Every structure is written in C-alpha cells, then in structure tokens.
Amino acid sequence: MIKEPCSSTDMGYPSKKYSFPTKRYCQTLSLINDPDLIEEYKRIHSEENSWREIREGIRSVGILEMEIYIYGTIVCMIVDTPLDFNWEVAMEKLSHLPRQQEWEDRVSLIQQSSFGATSADKWHLMERFFHLYE
C-alpha cells in the first residue's frame, strides 16, 4: 500500500454550509497499487482536468457537494445532498448522462473494478456506526 504522510497534524478542509438540512453519504473503493496510476487518478480528478460534463451531471442529479480523499490505494468519497435525495434514483439518472460511461471506463483502468461498470457498481456505500452523540 502506498502511504502519503500528512503535511501537518492540523490538516483539515473547510466544509460548505447550507441554509437547509442536508444528509451525507460516504463511499469507498480501492485503486490499483501503482504509484504512477494513482498520480494519474488524482491528476484527472483535478479542477483543470476533470470533465465539465461529469461535474454538471453530478450536480444535475441533486448532489450538492462531492469530495474524494485518498490514503494509499483506498479512496473515500463524501457526498452531501438535500434530505429528500434518493440515492438509487440519482445513480440511475447519472449512469445515463452524456459521457458518464466514458468517464467511468476511463477511471476503471485505475480502480479495482471491471471495465463497463457504473459508478453505482464500483463505489461501496459505507455504514456510519459512530458520531458524537448529543
């Protein structure tokens, strides 16, 4: 497994605030254990290299924010949505949007997944089992 040390112990990322209630999904998948491929995966997800149609499609199905984090070969995707968001319906819509399958096929070469798989096929929803209870 490739490990990248954090640059500091206070590393953190700001989160967006919304004027309405939201909910969060967390997903994970594994990448192929190849440092060059992992760098390519990060590069094609950068602001300047990610496809506009993909970002627009993600927003068009109701996703408010999406972040991807990496540790070695493990990636974790955080997705924020409105409370009335339906995951299955949104993923079905997303899978039929222009260039979506082309994007999925491109990134599948780096992910531990099958060519032709949709995003819903590749990413695994994680179960939240702890939070700071009130």
C-alpha atoms as a PDB file:
ATOM      1  CA  MET A   1       0.000   0.000   0.000  1.00  0.00           C
ATOM      2  CA  ILE A   2       1.264   3.461  -0.887  1.00  0.00           C
ATOM      3  CA  LYS A   3       1.251   5.850   2.049  1.00  0.00           C
ATOM      4  CA  GLU A   4       1.451   9.608   1.833  1.00  0.00           C
ATOM      5  CA  PRO A   5       2.174  11.395   5.093  1.00  0.00           C
ATOM      6  CA  CYS A   6       0.057  14.381   6.023  1.00  0.00           C
ATOM      7  CA  SER A   7       1.939  17.641   5.811  1.00  0.00           C
ATOM      8  CA  SER A   8       0.856  18.673   9.308  1.00  0.00           C
ATOM      9  CA  THR A   9      -1.175  17.427  12.242  1.00  0.00           C
ATOM     10  CA  ASP A  10      -3.706  20.240  11.893  1.00  0.00           C
ATOM     11  CA  MET A  11      -4.578  19.438   8.280  1.00  0.00           C
ATOM     12  CA  GLY A  12      -8.259  19.902   7.686  1.00  0.00           C
ATOM     13  CA  TYR A  13     -10.674  21.011   4.997  1.00  0.00           C
ATOM     14  CA  PRO A  14     -13.494  23.537   5.206  1.00  0.00           C
ATOM     15  CA  SER A  15     -16.987  22.222   4.558  1.00  0.00           C
ATOM     16  CA  LYS A  16     -19.814  24.053   2.846  1.00  0.00           C
ATOM     17  CA  LYS A  17     -22.752  25.287   4.886  1.00  0.00           C
ATOM     18  CA  TYR A  18     -26.290  25.210   3.557  1.00  0.00           C
ATOM     19  CA  SER A  19     -29.369  27.122   4.692  1.00  0.00           C
ATOM     20  CA  PHE A  20     -31.366  23.864   4.709  1.00  0.00           C
ATOM     21  CA  PRO A  21     -30.879  20.411   6.240  1.00  0.00           C
ATOM     22  CA  THR A  22     -28.646  18.010   4.333  1.00  0.00           C
ATOM     23  CA  LYS A  23     -27.521  14.429   4.594  1.00  0.00           C
ATOM     24  CA  ARG A  24     -24.177  12.799   3.846  1.00  0.00           C
ATOM     25  CA  TYR A  25     -23.156   9.598   2.116  1.00  0.00           C
ATOM     26  CA  CYS A  26     -19.734   8.016   2.373  1.00  0.00           C
ATOM     27  CA  GLN A  27     -18.403   5.543  -0.161  1.00  0.00           C
ATOM     28  CA  THR A  28     -15.146   3.730  -0.752  1.00  0.00           C
ATOM     29  CA  LEU A  29     -13.264   1.827  -3.410  1.00  0.00           C
ATOM     30  CA  SER A  30      -9.716   0.595  -3.976  1.00  0.00           C
ATOM     31  CA  LEU A  31      -7.257   1.670  -6.633  1.00  0.00           C
ATOM     32  CA  ILE A  32      -4.666  -0.468  -8.382  1.00  0.00           C
ATOM     33  CA  ASN A  33      -1.462  -0.419  -6.336  1.00  0.00           C
ATOM     34  CA  ASP A  34       0.676   1.507  -8.822  1.00  0.00           C
ATOM     35  CA  PRO A  35       2.066   4.916  -7.797  1.00  0.00           C
ATOM     36  CA  ASP A  36       2.004   6.255 -11.370  1.00  0.00           C
ATOM     37  CA  LEU A  37      -1.619   5.217 -11.892  1.00  0.00           C
ATOM     38  CA  ILE A  38      -2.607   6.738  -8.554  1.00  0.00           C
ATOM     39  CA  GLU A  39      -0.976  10.027  -9.533  1.00  0.00           C
ATOM     40  CA  GLU A  40      -2.861   9.863 -12.833  1.00  0.00           C
ATOM     41  CA  TYR A  41      -6.125   9.246 -10.952  1.00  0.00           C
ATOM     42  CA  LYS A  42      -5.501  12.328  -8.837  1.00  0.00           C
ATOM     43  CA  ARG A  43      -4.498  14.350 -11.923  1.00  0.00           C
ATOM     44  CA  ILE A  44      -7.644  13.503 -13.926  1.00  0.00           C
ATOM     45  CA  HIS A  45      -9.805  14.474 -10.941  1.00  0.00           C
ATOM     46  CA  SER A  46      -8.130  17.881 -10.591  1.00  0.00           C
ATOM     47  CA  GLU A  47     -10.122  21.025 -11.275  1.00  0.00           C
ATOM     48  CA  GLU A  48      -8.327  21.668 -14.550  1.00  0.00           C
ATOM     49  CA  ASN A  49      -8.559  18.068 -15.854  1.00  0.00           C
ATOM     50  CA  SER A  50     -11.931  16.762 -14.647  1.00  0.00           C
ATOM     51  CA  TRP A  51     -14.615  16.855 -17.299  1.00  0.00           C
ATOM     52  CA  ARG A  52     -17.149  19.678 -17.075  1.00  0.00           C
ATOM     53  CA  GLU A  53     -19.961  17.353 -18.249  1.00  0.00           C
ATOM     54  CA  ILE A  54     -19.272  14.990 -15.354  1.00  0.00           C
ATOM     55  CA  ARG A  55     -19.311  17.769 -12.744  1.00  0.00           C
ATOM     56  CA  GLU A  56     -22.523  19.184 -14.253  1.00  0.00           C
ATOM     57  CA  GLY A  57     -24.108  15.729 -14.329  1.00  0.00           C
ATOM     58  CA  ILE A  58     -23.304  15.138 -10.668  1.00  0.00           C
ATOM     59  CA  ARG A  59     -24.996  18.398  -9.739  1.00  0.00           C
ATOM     60  CA  SER A  60     -27.949  17.744 -12.073  1.00  0.00           C
ATOM     61  CA  VAL A  61     -28.970  14.616 -10.130  1.00  0.00           C
ATOM     62  CA  GLY A  62     -29.163  16.620  -6.888  1.00  0.00           C
ATOM     63  CA  ILE A  63     -25.700  16.213  -5.355  1.00  0.00           C
ATOM     64  CA  LEU A  64     -24.657  19.398  -3.579  1.00  0.00           C
ATOM     65  CA  GLU A  65     -21.025  18.566  -2.836  1.00  0.00           C
ATOM     66  CA  MET A  66     -18.671  15.685  -3.518  1.00  0.00           C
ATOM     67  CA  GLU A  67     -15.177  15.211  -2.124  1.00  0.00           C
ATOM     68  CA  ILE A  68     -12.736  12.347  -2.633  1.00  0.00           C
ATOM     69  CA  TYR A  69      -9.998  11.549  -0.124  1.00  0.00           C
ATOM     70  CA  ILE A  70      -7.133   9.107  -0.562  1.00  0.00           C
ATOM     71  CA  TYR A  71      -4.893   7.061   1.703  1.00  0.00           C
ATOM     72  CA  GLY A  72      -2.588   4.723  -0.157  1.00  0.00           C
ATOM     73  CA  THR A  73      -4.821   2.769  -2.539  1.00  0.00           C
ATOM     74  CA  ILE A  74      -8.056   3.449  -0.630  1.00  0.00           C
ATOM     75  CA  VAL A  75     -10.292   6.296  -1.731  1.00  0.00           C
ATOM     76  CA  CYS A  76     -13.263   7.628   0.194  1.00  0.00           C
ATOM     77  CA  MET A  77     -15.957   9.763  -1.376  1.00  0.00           C
ATOM     78  CA  ILE A  78     -18.088  12.096   0.736  1.00  0.00           C
ATOM     79  CA  VAL A  79     -21.364  13.209  -0.871  1.00  0.00           C
ATOM     80  CA  ASP A  80     -23.671  15.869   0.577  1.00  0.00           C
ATOM     81  CA  THR A  81     -27.289  16.026  -0.603  1.00  0.00           C
ATOM     82  CA  PRO A  82     -30.663  17.503   0.377  1.00  0.00           C
ATOM     83  CA  LEU A  83     -32.678  15.407   2.853  1.00  0.00           C
ATOM     84  CA  ASP A  84     -35.132  14.257   0.166  1.00  0.00           C
ATOM     85  CA  PHE A  85     -32.349  12.883  -2.070  1.00  0.00           C
ATOM     86  CA  ASN A  86     -32.856   9.286  -3.257  1.00  0.00           C
ATOM     87  CA  TRP A  87     -29.504   7.568  -3.875  1.00  0.00           C
ATOM     88  CA  GLU A  88     -30.742   4.784  -6.183  1.00  0.00           C
ATOM     89  CA  VAL A  89     -32.801   7.120  -8.366  1.00  0.00           C
ATOM     90  CA  ALA A  90     -29.930   9.591  -8.669  1.00  0.00           C
ATOM     91  CA  MET A  91     -27.360   6.903  -9.574  1.00  0.00           C
ATOM     92  CA  GLU A  92     -29.688   5.513 -12.245  1.00  0.00           C
ATOM     93  CA  LYS A  93     -30.082   9.002 -13.768  1.00  0.00           C
ATOM     94  CA  LEU A  94     -26.351   9.645 -13.534  1.00  0.00           C
ATOM     95  CA  SER A  95     -25.481   6.430 -15.363  1.00  0.00           C
ATOM     96  CA  HIS A  96     -27.383   7.613 -18.470  1.00  0.00           C
ATOM     97  CA  LEU A  97     -25.969  11.137 -18.725  1.00  0.00           C
ATOM     98  CA  PRO A  98     -23.726  12.144 -21.635  1.00  0.00           C
ATOM     99  CA  ARG A  99     -20.095  10.987 -21.313  1.00  0.00           C
ATOM    100  CA  GLN A 100     -20.729   9.388 -17.902  1.00  0.00           C
ATOM    101  CA  GLN A 101     -19.941   5.850 -19.039  1.00  0.00           C
ATOM    102  CA  GLU A 102     -16.928   7.123 -20.996  1.00  0.00           C
ATOM    103  CA  TRP A 103     -15.645   8.674 -17.757  1.00  0.00           C
ATOM    104  CA  GLU A 104     -16.372   5.509 -15.771  1.00  0.00           C
ATOM    105  CA  ASP A 105     -14.494   3.399 -18.325  1.00  0.00           C
ATOM    106  CA  ARG A 106     -11.529   5.788 -18.179  1.00  0.00           C
ATOM    107  CA  VAL A 107     -11.212   5.726 -14.388  1.00  0.00           C
ATOM    108  CA  SER A 108     -11.911   1.982 -14.181  1.00  0.00           C
ATOM    109  CA  LEU A 109      -8.435   1.407 -15.643  1.00  0.00           C
ATOM    110  CA  ILE A 110      -7.054   2.693 -12.321  1.00  0.00           C
ATOM    111  CA  GLN A 111      -9.761   1.433  -9.976  1.00  0.00           C
ATOM    112  CA  GLN A 112     -10.040  -2.164  -8.847  1.00  0.00           C
ATOM    113  CA  SER A 113     -13.224  -2.625 -10.860  1.00  0.00           C
ATOM    114  CA  SER A 114     -14.495  -4.107 -14.076  1.00  0.00           C
ATOM    115  CA  PHE A 115     -14.451  -2.195 -17.340  1.00  0.00           C
ATOM    116  CA  GLY A 116     -18.022  -1.145 -18.144  1.00  0.00           C
ATOM    117  CA  ALA A 117     -19.086  -0.845 -14.507  1.00  0.00           C
ATOM    118  CA  THR A 118     -21.162   2.165 -13.490  1.00  0.00           C
ATOM    119  CA  SER A 119     -20.341   4.399 -10.567  1.00  0.00           C
ATOM    120  CA  ALA A 120     -23.046   2.638  -8.543  1.00  0.00           C
ATOM    121  CA  ASP A 121     -21.401  -0.716  -9.317  1.00  0.00           C
ATOM    122  CA  LYS A 122     -17.902   0.366  -8.267  1.00  0.00           C
ATOM    123  CA  TRP A 123     -18.378   2.526  -5.205  1.00  0.00           C
ATOM    124  CA  HIS A 124     -19.495   0.865  -1.964  1.00  0.00           C
ATOM    125  CA  LEU A 125     -21.676   2.799   0.459  1.00  0.00           C
ATOM    126  CA  MET A 126     -20.207   2.799   3.941  1.00  0.00           C
ATOM    127  CA  GLU A 127     -22.232   2.380   7.113  1.00  0.00           C
ATOM    128  CA  ARG A 128     -21.891   5.074   9.740  1.00  0.00           C
ATOM    129  CA  PHE A 129     -21.612   3.374  13.105  1.00  0.00           C
ATOM    130  CA  PHE A 130     -20.428   6.275  15.279  1.00  0.00           C
ATOM    131  CA  HIS A 131     -20.849  10.019  15.600  1.00  0.00           C
ATOM    132  CA  LEU A 132     -20.507  12.404  18.541  1.00  0.00           C
ATOM    133  CA  TYR A 133     -23.867  11.693  20.087  1.00  0.00           C
ATOM    134  CA  GLU A 134     -25.751  14.661  21.511  1.00  0.00           C
END
